[in-house]
All heavy atoms as atom14 arrays in JSON, in Angstrom:
{
  "sequence": "LDRAREIPEDTPLALFGHSFGALVAHETAHRLVAGGARVPERLV",
  "atom14_mask": [
    [1, 1, 1, 1, 1, 1, 1, 1, 0, 0, 0, 0, 0, 0],
    [1, 1, 1, 1, 1, 1, 1, 1, 0, 0, 0, 0, 0, 0],
    [1, 1, 1, 1, 1, 1, 1, 1, 1, 1, 1, 0, 0, 0],
    [1, 1, 1, 1, 1, 0, 0, 0, 0, 0, 0, 0, 0, 0],
    [1, 1, 1, 1, 1, 1, 1, 1, 1, 1, 1, 0, 0, 0],
    [1, 1, 1, 1, 1, 1, 1, 1, 1, 0, 0, 0, 0, 0],
    [1, 1, 1, 1, 1, 1, 1, 1, 0, 0, 0, 0, 0, 0],
    [1, 1, 1, 1, 1, 1, 1, 0, 0, 0, 0, 0, 0, 0],
    [1, 1, 1, 1, 1, 1, 1, 1, 1, 0, 0, 0, 0, 0],
    [1, 1, 1, 1, 1, 1, 1, 1, 0, 0, 0, 0, 0, 0],
    [1, 1, 1, 1, 1, 1, 1, 0, 0, 0, 0, 0, 0, 0],
    [1, 1, 1, 1, 1, 1, 1, 0, 0, 0, 0, 0, 0, 0],
    [1, 1, 1, 1, 1, 1, 1, 1, 0, 0, 0, 0, 0, 0],
    [1, 1, 1, 1, 1, 0, 0, 0, 0, 0, 0, 0, 0, 0],
    [1, 1, 1, 1, 1, 1, 1, 1, 0, 0, 0, 0, 0, 0],
    [1, 1, 1, 1, 1, 1, 1, 1, 1, 1, 1, 0, 0, 0],
    [1, 1, 1, 1, 0, 0, 0, 0, 0, 0, 0, 0, 0, 0],
    [1, 1, 1, 1, 1, 1, 1, 1, 1, 1, 0, 0, 0, 0],
    [1, 1, 1, 1, 1, 1, 0, 0, 0, 0, 0, 0, 0, 0],
    [1, 1, 1, 1, 1, 1, 1, 1, 1, 1, 1, 0, 0, 0],
    [1, 1, 1, 1, 0, 0, 0, 0, 0, 0, 0, 0, 0, 0],
    [1, 1, 1, 1, 1, 0, 0, 0, 0, 0, 0, 0, 0, 0],
    [1, 1, 1, 1, 1, 1, 1, 1, 0, 0, 0, 0, 0, 0],
    [1, 1, 1, 1, 1, 1, 1, 0, 0, 0, 0, 0, 0, 0],
    [1, 1, 1, 1, 1, 0, 0, 0, 0, 0, 0, 0, 0, 0],
    [1, 1, 1, 1, 1, 1, 1, 1, 1, 1, 0, 0, 0, 0],
    [1, 1, 1, 1, 1, 1, 1, 1, 1, 0, 0, 0, 0, 0],
    [1, 1, 1, 1, 1, 1, 1, 0, 0, 0, 0, 0, 0, 0],
    [1, 1, 1, 1, 1, 0, 0, 0, 0, 0, 0, 0, 0, 0],
    [1, 1, 1, 1, 1, 1, 1, 1, 1, 1, 0, 0, 0, 0],
    [1, 1, 1, 1, 1, 1, 1, 1, 1, 1, 1, 0, 0, 0],
    [1, 1, 1, 1, 1, 1, 1, 1, 0, 0, 0, 0, 0, 0],
    [1, 1, 1, 1, 1, 1, 1, 0, 0, 0, 0, 0, 0, 0],
    [1, 1, 1, 1, 1, 0, 0, 0, 0, 0, 0, 0, 0, 0],
    [1, 1, 1, 1, 0, 0, 0, 0, 0, 0, 0, 0, 0, 0],
    [1, 1, 1, 1, 0, 0, 0, 0, 0, 0, 0, 0, 0, 0],
    [1, 1, 1, 1, 1, 0, 0, 0, 0, 0, 0, 0, 0, 0],
    [1, 1, 1, 1, 1, 1, 1, 1, 1, 1, 1, 0, 0, 0],
    [1, 1, 1, 1, 1, 1, 1, 0, 0, 0, 0, 0, 0, 0],
    [1, 1, 1, 1, 1, 1, 1, 0, 0, 0, 0, 0, 0, 0],
    [1, 1, 1, 1, 1, 1, 1, 1, 1, 0, 0, 0, 0, 0],
    [1, 1, 1, 1, 1, 1, 1, 1, 1, 1, 1, 0, 0, 0],
    [1, 1, 1, 1, 1, 1, 1, 1, 0, 0, 0, 0, 0, 0],
    [1, 1, 1, 1, 1, 1, 1, 0, 0, 0, 0, 0, 0, 0]
  ],
  "atom14_positions": [
    [[-25.99, 70.94, 14.36], [-25.82, 70.09, 13.31], [-27.15, 69.59, 12.84], [-27.47, 69.39, 11.6], [-24.87, 68.97, 13.54], [-23.45, 69.39, 13.78], [-22.67, 68.16, 14.32], [-22.79, 69.94, 12.53], [0.0, 0.0, 0.0], [0.0, 0.0, 0.0], [0.0, 0.0, 0.0], [0.0, 0.0, 0.0], [0.0, 0.0, 0.0], [0.0, 0.0, 0.0]],
    [[-28.03, 69.25, 13.77], [-29.38, 68.71, 13.44], [-30.05, 69.86, 12.62], [-30.9, 69.63, 11.62], [-30.22, 68.45, 14.68], [-29.82, 67.13, 15.35], [-29.09, 66.41, 14.71], [-30.11, 67.0, 16.48], [0.0, 0.0, 0.0], [0.0, 0.0, 0.0], [0.0, 0.0, 0.0], [0.0, 0.0, 0.0], [0.0, 0.0, 0.0], [0.0, 0.0, 0.0]],
    [[-30.05, 71.17, 13.08], [-30.67, 72.19, 12.35], [-30.01, 72.37, 10.97], [-30.86, 72.62, 9.97], [-30.43, 73.48, 13.11], [-31.3, 74.63, 12.54], [-32.8, 74.53, 12.92], [-33.58, 75.68, 12.52], [-34.23, 75.88, 11.37], [-34.28, 74.85, 10.52], [-34.86, 76.86, 11.17], [0.0, 0.0, 0.0], [0.0, 0.0, 0.0], [0.0, 0.0, 0.0]],
    [[-28.72, 72.28, 10.82], [-28.01, 72.41, 9.54], [-28.6, 71.3, 8.51], [-28.66, 71.56, 7.34], [-26.65, 72.33, 9.73], [0.0, 0.0, 0.0], [0.0, 0.0, 0.0], [0.0, 0.0, 0.0], [0.0, 0.0, 0.0], [0.0, 0.0, 0.0], [0.0, 0.0, 0.0], [0.0, 0.0, 0.0], [0.0, 0.0, 0.0], [0.0, 0.0, 0.0]],
    [[-28.89, 70.12, 9.11], [-29.38, 69.06, 8.21], [-30.74, 69.29, 7.64], [-31.17, 68.65, 6.64], [-29.26, 67.77, 9.02], [-27.93, 67.16, 9.33], [-28.0, 65.82, 9.97], [-26.7, 65.43, 10.57], [-26.33, 65.49, 11.83], [-27.25, 65.96, 12.66], [-25.25, 65.21, 12.14], [0.0, 0.0, 0.0], [0.0, 0.0, 0.0], [0.0, 0.0, 0.0]],
    [[-31.43, 70.2, 8.36], [-32.81, 70.5, 7.7], [-32.76, 71.51, 6.57], [-33.6, 71.69, 5.78], [-33.65, 71.22, 8.78], [-33.79, 70.39, 10.04], [-34.5, 71.09, 11.19], [-34.91, 72.33, 10.94], [-34.73, 70.48, 12.25], [0.0, 0.0, 0.0], [0.0, 0.0, 0.0], [0.0, 0.0, 0.0], [0.0, 0.0, 0.0], [0.0, 0.0, 0.0]],
    [[-31.56, 72.03, 6.27], [-31.28, 72.87, 5.11], [-30.94, 72.07, 3.94], [-30.2, 71.18, 3.99], [-30.11, 73.89, 5.43], [-30.51, 74.75, 6.58], [-29.9, 74.84, 4.18], [-29.29, 75.58, 7.18], [0.0, 0.0, 0.0], [0.0, 0.0, 0.0], [0.0, 0.0, 0.0], [0.0, 0.0, 0.0], [0.0, 0.0, 0.0], [0.0, 0.0, 0.0]],
    [[-31.71, 72.34, 2.82], [-31.39, 71.62, 1.57], [-29.89, 71.55, 1.27], [-29.29, 72.53, 1.35], [-32.37, 72.32, 0.48], [-33.34, 72.85, 1.26], [-32.84, 73.35, 2.56], [0.0, 0.0, 0.0], [0.0, 0.0, 0.0], [0.0, 0.0, 0.0], [0.0, 0.0, 0.0], [0.0, 0.0, 0.0], [0.0, 0.0, 0.0], [0.0, 0.0, 0.0]],
    [[-29.44, 70.39, 0.63], [-27.96, 70.3, 0.45], [-27.51, 71.12, -0.67], [-26.27, 71.46, -0.7], [-27.67, 68.79, 0.14], [-27.85, 67.9, 1.35], [-27.42, 66.55, 1.09], [-26.95, 66.18, -0.13], [-27.43, 65.59, 2.0], [0.0, 0.0, 0.0], [0.0, 0.0, 0.0], [0.0, 0.0, 0.0], [0.0, 0.0, 0.0], [0.0, 0.0, 0.0]],
    [[-28.43, 71.51, -1.5], [-28.02, 72.47, -2.65], [-28.15, 73.91, -2.37], [-27.75, 74.76, -3.13], [-28.9, 72.18, -3.88], [-30.35, 72.43, -3.62], [-30.75, 72.6, -2.49], [-31.1, 72.34, -4.71], [0.0, 0.0, 0.0], [0.0, 0.0, 0.0], [0.0, 0.0, 0.0], [0.0, 0.0, 0.0], [0.0, 0.0, 0.0], [0.0, 0.0, 0.0]],
    [[-28.43, 74.17, -1.03], [-28.27, 75.58, -0.47], [-27.02, 75.99, 0.15], [-26.7, 75.23, 1.09], [-29.52, 75.86, 0.45], [-30.73, 75.52, -0.2], [-29.56, 77.18, 1.0], [0.0, 0.0, 0.0], [0.0, 0.0, 0.0], [0.0, 0.0, 0.0], [0.0, 0.0, 0.0], [0.0, 0.0, 0.0], [0.0, 0.0, 0.0], [0.0, 0.0, 0.0]],
    [[-26.24, 76.9, -0.24], [-25.09, 77.19, 0.35], [-25.36, 77.65, 1.97], [-26.33, 78.12, 2.16], [-24.65, 78.37, -0.27], [-25.3, 78.46, -1.57], [-26.73, 77.83, -1.34], [0.0, 0.0, 0.0], [0.0, 0.0, 0.0], [0.0, 0.0, 0.0], [0.0, 0.0, 0.0], [0.0, 0.0, 0.0], [0.0, 0.0, 0.0], [0.0, 0.0, 0.0]],
    [[-24.34, 77.16, 2.82], [-24.63, 77.27, 4.27], [-23.4, 78.17, 4.85], [-22.18, 77.89, 4.38], [-24.6, 75.92, 4.91], [-24.46, 75.85, 6.37], [-25.83, 76.39, 7.04], [-24.25, 74.36, 6.87], [0.0, 0.0, 0.0], [0.0, 0.0, 0.0], [0.0, 0.0, 0.0], [0.0, 0.0, 0.0], [0.0, 0.0, 0.0], [0.0, 0.0, 0.0]],
    [[-23.81, 79.0, 5.71], [-22.81, 79.78, 6.48], [-23.24, 79.73, 7.91], [-24.44, 79.42, 8.23], [-22.58, 81.12, 5.96], [0.0, 0.0, 0.0], [0.0, 0.0, 0.0], [0.0, 0.0, 0.0], [0.0, 0.0, 0.0], [0.0, 0.0, 0.0], [0.0, 0.0, 0.0], [0.0, 0.0, 0.0], [0.0, 0.0, 0.0], [0.0, 0.0, 0.0]],
    [[-22.38, 80.24, 8.86], [-22.59, 80.21, 10.39], [-22.34, 81.49, 10.9], [-21.44, 82.16, 10.47], [-21.85, 79.16, 11.05], [-22.18, 77.65, 10.6], [-21.16, 77.16, 9.7], [-22.15, 76.82, 11.87], [0.0, 0.0, 0.0], [0.0, 0.0, 0.0], [0.0, 0.0, 0.0], [0.0, 0.0, 0.0], [0.0, 0.0, 0.0], [0.0, 0.0, 0.0]],
    [[-23.3, 81.83, 11.9], [-23.18, 83.13, 12.63], [-23.29, 82.84, 14.0], [-24.27, 82.08, 14.5], [-24.17, 84.29, 12.14], [-24.14, 85.37, 13.16], [-23.23, 86.48, 12.88], [-25.12, 85.48, 14.17], [-23.29, 87.66, 13.84], [-25.24, 86.63, 15.04], [-24.25, 87.62, 14.81], [0.0, 0.0, 0.0], [0.0, 0.0, 0.0], [0.0, 0.0, 0.0]],
    [[-22.57, 83.42, 14.99], [-22.91, 83.39, 16.37], [-22.15, 84.48, 17.17], [-21.16, 85.05, 16.6], [0.0, 0.0, 0.0], [0.0, 0.0, 0.0], [0.0, 0.0, 0.0], [0.0, 0.0, 0.0], [0.0, 0.0, 0.0], [0.0, 0.0, 0.0], [0.0, 0.0, 0.0], [0.0, 0.0, 0.0], [0.0, 0.0, 0.0], [0.0, 0.0, 0.0]],
    [[-22.82, 84.96, 18.11], [-22.35, 86.02, 19.01], [-21.96, 85.66, 20.38], [-22.71, 84.86, 21.05], [-23.34, 87.2, 19.09], [-22.94, 88.38, 19.94], [-22.12, 89.33, 19.48], [-23.29, 88.59, 21.27], [-21.95, 90.25, 20.42], [-22.7, 89.8, 21.53], [0.0, 0.0, 0.0], [0.0, 0.0, 0.0], [0.0, 0.0, 0.0], [0.0, 0.0, 0.0]],
    [[-20.77, 85.92, 20.73], [-20.3, 85.68, 22.17], [-20.22, 83.96, 22.22], [-19.5, 83.48, 21.56], [-21.01, 86.45, 23.19], [-20.33, 86.51, 24.36], [0.0, 0.0, 0.0], [0.0, 0.0, 0.0], [0.0, 0.0, 0.0], [0.0, 0.0, 0.0], [0.0, 0.0, 0.0], [0.0, 0.0, 0.0], [0.0, 0.0, 0.0], [0.0, 0.0, 0.0]],
    [[-20.97, 83.58, 23.23], [-21.07, 82.15, 23.51], [-21.55, 81.54, 22.18], [-21.04, 80.45, 21.79], [-22.19, 81.88, 24.55], [-22.75, 80.45, 24.57], [-21.96, 79.4, 25.04], [-23.93, 80.31, 24.06], [-22.57, 78.1, 25.11], [-24.47, 78.91, 24.03], [-23.71, 77.8, 24.66], [0.0, 0.0, 0.0], [0.0, 0.0, 0.0], [0.0, 0.0, 0.0]],
    [[-22.5, 82.04, 21.44], [-22.88, 81.56, 20.17], [-21.81, 81.44, 19.16], [-21.83, 80.56, 18.22], [0.0, 0.0, 0.0], [0.0, 0.0, 0.0], [0.0, 0.0, 0.0], [0.0, 0.0, 0.0], [0.0, 0.0, 0.0], [0.0, 0.0, 0.0], [0.0, 0.0, 0.0], [0.0, 0.0, 0.0], [0.0, 0.0, 0.0], [0.0, 0.0, 0.0]],
    [[-20.93, 82.39, 19.23], [-19.7, 82.29, 18.21], [-18.82, 81.2, 18.49], [-18.3, 80.5, 17.61], [-18.96, 83.55, 18.35], [0.0, 0.0, 0.0], [0.0, 0.0, 0.0], [0.0, 0.0, 0.0], [0.0, 0.0, 0.0], [0.0, 0.0, 0.0], [0.0, 0.0, 0.0], [0.0, 0.0, 0.0], [0.0, 0.0, 0.0], [0.0, 0.0, 0.0]],
    [[-18.61, 80.8, 19.7], [-17.84, 79.66, 20.16], [-18.49, 78.43, 19.61], [-17.91, 77.51, 19.04], [-17.48, 79.63, 21.6], [-16.7, 80.66, 22.21], [-16.71, 80.54, 23.74], [-15.4, 80.91, 21.63], [0.0, 0.0, 0.0], [0.0, 0.0, 0.0], [0.0, 0.0, 0.0], [0.0, 0.0, 0.0], [0.0, 0.0, 0.0], [0.0, 0.0, 0.0]],
    [[-19.8, 78.29, 19.76], [-20.43, 77.14, 19.21], [-20.52, 77.05, 17.79], [-20.33, 75.94, 17.15], [-22.14, 77.25, 19.73], [-22.94, 76.21, 19.21], [-22.06, 77.21, 21.31], [0.0, 0.0, 0.0], [0.0, 0.0, 0.0], [0.0, 0.0, 0.0], [0.0, 0.0, 0.0], [0.0, 0.0, 0.0], [0.0, 0.0, 0.0], [0.0, 0.0, 0.0]],
    [[-20.68, 78.23, 17.1], [-20.62, 78.34, 15.63], [-19.29, 77.71, 15.15], [-19.16, 77.02, 14.21], [-20.89, 79.69, 15.14], [0.0, 0.0, 0.0], [0.0, 0.0, 0.0], [0.0, 0.0, 0.0], [0.0, 0.0, 0.0], [0.0, 0.0, 0.0], [0.0, 0.0, 0.0], [0.0, 0.0, 0.0], [0.0, 0.0, 0.0], [0.0, 0.0, 0.0]],
    [[-18.19, 78.2, 15.86], [-16.83, 77.8, 15.51], [-16.83, 76.19, 15.57], [-16.1, 75.53, 14.73], [-15.88, 78.41, 16.34], [-14.33, 77.99, 16.27], [-13.74, 77.2, 17.32], [-13.56, 78.16, 15.21], [-12.5, 77.01, 16.93], [-12.37, 77.49, 15.57], [0.0, 0.0, 0.0], [0.0, 0.0, 0.0], [0.0, 0.0, 0.0], [0.0, 0.0, 0.0]],
    [[-17.22, 75.59, 16.63], [-16.99, 74.15, 16.91], [-17.98, 73.46, 15.87], [-17.71, 72.42, 15.35], [-17.49, 73.79, 18.34], [-16.58, 74.27, 19.37], [-15.07, 73.9, 19.18], [-14.9, 72.73, 18.91], [-14.18, 74.73, 19.33], [0.0, 0.0, 0.0], [0.0, 0.0, 0.0], [0.0, 0.0, 0.0], [0.0, 0.0, 0.0], [0.0, 0.0, 0.0]],
    [[-19.13, 74.06, 15.56], [-20.01, 73.43, 14.66], [-19.4, 73.46, 13.21], [-19.46, 72.48, 12.5], [-21.39, 74.25, 14.4], [-21.99, 74.22, 15.91], [-22.37, 73.6, 13.49], [0.0, 0.0, 0.0], [0.0, 0.0, 0.0], [0.0, 0.0, 0.0], [0.0, 0.0, 0.0], [0.0, 0.0, 0.0], [0.0, 0.0, 0.0], [0.0, 0.0, 0.0]],
    [[-18.68, 74.51, 12.88], [-17.97, 74.63, 11.64], [-16.95, 73.43, 11.5], [-16.75, 72.8, 10.43], [-17.28, 75.87, 11.4], [0.0, 0.0, 0.0], [0.0, 0.0, 0.0], [0.0, 0.0, 0.0], [0.0, 0.0, 0.0], [0.0, 0.0, 0.0], [0.0, 0.0, 0.0], [0.0, 0.0, 0.0], [0.0, 0.0, 0.0], [0.0, 0.0, 0.0]],
    [[-16.15, 73.26, 12.61], [-15.33, 72.21, 12.65], [-15.77, 70.76, 12.42], [-15.26, 69.92, 11.71], [-14.43, 72.23, 13.89], [-13.2, 73.03, 13.86], [-12.0, 72.73, 13.21], [-12.93, 74.33, 14.38], [-11.11, 73.68, 13.28], [-11.67, 74.62, 14.08], [0.0, 0.0, 0.0], [0.0, 0.0, 0.0], [0.0, 0.0, 0.0], [0.0, 0.0, 0.0]],
    [[-17.0, 70.6, 13.09], [-17.59, 69.35, 13.0], [-18.15, 69.06, 11.41], [-18.06, 67.99, 10.97], [-18.78, 69.2, 13.86], [-18.47, 69.07, 15.41], [-18.23, 67.73, 15.84], [-19.34, 66.96, 15.77], [-20.4, 66.81, 16.56], [-20.26, 67.5, 17.78], [-21.46, 66.07, 16.39], [0.0, 0.0, 0.0], [0.0, 0.0, 0.0], [0.0, 0.0, 0.0]],
    [[-18.65, 70.17, 10.83], [-19.05, 70.05, 9.49], [-17.94, 69.68, 8.66], [-17.99, 68.86, 7.67], [-19.75, 71.32, 9.07], [-21.18, 71.61, 9.63], [-21.5, 73.06, 9.38], [-22.19, 70.66, 8.94], [0.0, 0.0, 0.0], [0.0, 0.0, 0.0], [0.0, 0.0, 0.0], [0.0, 0.0, 0.0], [0.0, 0.0, 0.0], [0.0, 0.0, 0.0]],
    [[-16.81, 70.39, 8.75], [-15.58, 70.09, 7.89], [-15.1, 68.66, 8.12], [-14.82, 68.0, 7.23], [-14.53, 71.17, 8.25], [-13.23, 70.82, 7.52], [-14.94, 72.55, 7.74], [0.0, 0.0, 0.0], [0.0, 0.0, 0.0], [0.0, 0.0, 0.0], [0.0, 0.0, 0.0], [0.0, 0.0, 0.0], [0.0, 0.0, 0.0], [0.0, 0.0, 0.0]],
    [[-15.02, 68.24, 9.41], [-14.57, 66.98, 9.71], [-15.53, 65.9, 9.14], [-14.95, 64.72, 8.68], [-14.46, 66.81, 11.22], [0.0, 0.0, 0.0], [0.0, 0.0, 0.0], [0.0, 0.0, 0.0], [0.0, 0.0, 0.0], [0.0, 0.0, 0.0], [0.0, 0.0, 0.0], [0.0, 0.0, 0.0], [0.0, 0.0, 0.0], [0.0, 0.0, 0.0]],
    [[-16.78, 66.21, 9.09], [-17.67, 65.31, 8.58], [-17.6, 65.05, 6.95], [-17.9, 63.99, 6.42], [0.0, 0.0, 0.0], [0.0, 0.0, 0.0], [0.0, 0.0, 0.0], [0.0, 0.0, 0.0], [0.0, 0.0, 0.0], [0.0, 0.0, 0.0], [0.0, 0.0, 0.0], [0.0, 0.0, 0.0], [0.0, 0.0, 0.0], [0.0, 0.0, 0.0]],
    [[-17.09, 66.09, 6.35], [-16.67, 66.05, 4.98], [-17.91, 66.2, 4.03], [-17.71, 66.48, 2.8], [0.0, 0.0, 0.0], [0.0, 0.0, 0.0], [0.0, 0.0, 0.0], [0.0, 0.0, 0.0], [0.0, 0.0, 0.0], [0.0, 0.0, 0.0], [0.0, 0.0, 0.0], [0.0, 0.0, 0.0], [0.0, 0.0, 0.0], [0.0, 0.0, 0.0]],
    [[-19.1, 66.23, 4.55], [-20.3, 66.25, 3.7], [-20.57, 67.76, 3.2], [-21.15, 67.94, 2.15], [-21.58, 65.63, 4.33], [0.0, 0.0, 0.0], [0.0, 0.0, 0.0], [0.0, 0.0, 0.0], [0.0, 0.0, 0.0], [0.0, 0.0, 0.0], [0.0, 0.0, 0.0], [0.0, 0.0, 0.0], [0.0, 0.0, 0.0], [0.0, 0.0, 0.0]],
    [[-20.32, 68.7, 4.09], [-20.76, 69.96, 3.82], [-19.85, 71.08, 4.49], [-19.73, 71.21, 5.76], [-22.19, 70.29, 4.38], [-22.84, 71.43, 3.9], [-24.22, 71.5, 4.36], [-25.12, 72.31, 3.52], [-26.38, 72.32, 3.62], [-27.03, 71.57, 4.34], [-27.19, 73.14, 2.77], [0.0, 0.0, 0.0], [0.0, 0.0, 0.0], [0.0, 0.0, 0.0]],
    [[-19.04, 71.74, 3.68], [-18.11, 72.85, 4.26], [-18.84, 74.08, 4.15], [-19.36, 74.42, 3.07], [-16.8, 72.8, 3.38], [-15.99, 73.94, 3.92], [-16.09, 71.39, 3.43], [0.0, 0.0, 0.0], [0.0, 0.0, 0.0], [0.0, 0.0, 0.0], [0.0, 0.0, 0.0], [0.0, 0.0, 0.0], [0.0, 0.0, 0.0], [0.0, 0.0, 0.0]],
    [[-18.8, 74.85, 5.26], [-19.57, 76.04, 5.29], [-18.9, 77.14, 4.3], [-17.71, 77.09, 4.08], [-19.5, 76.62, 6.66], [-19.19, 75.39, 7.49], [-18.36, 74.48, 6.66], [0.0, 0.0, 0.0], [0.0, 0.0, 0.0], [0.0, 0.0, 0.0], [0.0, 0.0, 0.0], [0.0, 0.0, 0.0], [0.0, 0.0, 0.0], [0.0, 0.0, 0.0]],
    [[-19.67, 77.92, 3.69], [-19.15, 79.01, 2.78], [-18.39, 80.06, 3.66], [-17.5, 80.72, 3.04], [-20.38, 79.8, 2.01], [-21.22, 78.77, 1.19], [-20.49, 78.4, -0.05], [-19.71, 79.31, -0.62], [-20.66, 77.25, -0.54], [0.0, 0.0, 0.0], [0.0, 0.0, 0.0], [0.0, 0.0, 0.0], [0.0, 0.0, 0.0], [0.0, 0.0, 0.0]],
    [[-18.85, 80.27, 4.86], [-18.16, 81.41, 5.73], [-18.53, 81.09, 7.19], [-19.65, 80.68, 7.31], [-18.56, 82.7, 5.18], [-18.02, 83.83, 6.01], [-18.28, 85.29, 5.36], [-17.68, 85.27, 4.0], [-16.42, 85.87, 3.84], [-15.75, 86.2, 4.94], [-15.82, 85.83, 2.69], [0.0, 0.0, 0.0], [0.0, 0.0, 0.0], [0.0, 0.0, 0.0]],
    [[-17.78, 81.49, 8.07], [-18.04, 81.52, 9.43], [-17.92, 83.03, 9.94], [-16.98, 83.63, 9.68], [-17.04, 80.71, 10.35], [-16.98, 80.78, 11.79], [-18.46, 80.34, 12.4], [-15.88, 80.01, 12.48], [0.0, 0.0, 0.0], [0.0, 0.0, 0.0], [0.0, 0.0, 0.0], [0.0, 0.0, 0.0], [0.0, 0.0, 0.0], [0.0, 0.0, 0.0]],
    [[-18.96, 83.53, 10.48], [-19.05, 84.85, 11.02], [-19.23, 84.81, 12.54], [-20.16, 84.23, 13.13], [-20.33, 85.58, 10.46], [-20.23, 87.03, 10.89], [-20.33, 85.58, 8.88], [0.0, 0.0, 0.0], [0.0, 0.0, 0.0], [0.0, 0.0, 0.0], [0.0, 0.0, 0.0], [0.0, 0.0, 0.0], [0.0, 0.0, 0.0], [0.0, 0.0, 0.0]]
  ]
}
């Protein structure tokens, strides 16, 4: 989430993770959605 906040708000955001990283990306997407400020364009 800290890394995501470094991305300008007007830039579309998506997430990618492999294996362990995919589980983390999934949880990060949920946190972003729950926060309401930035919904990812896609989760890969």
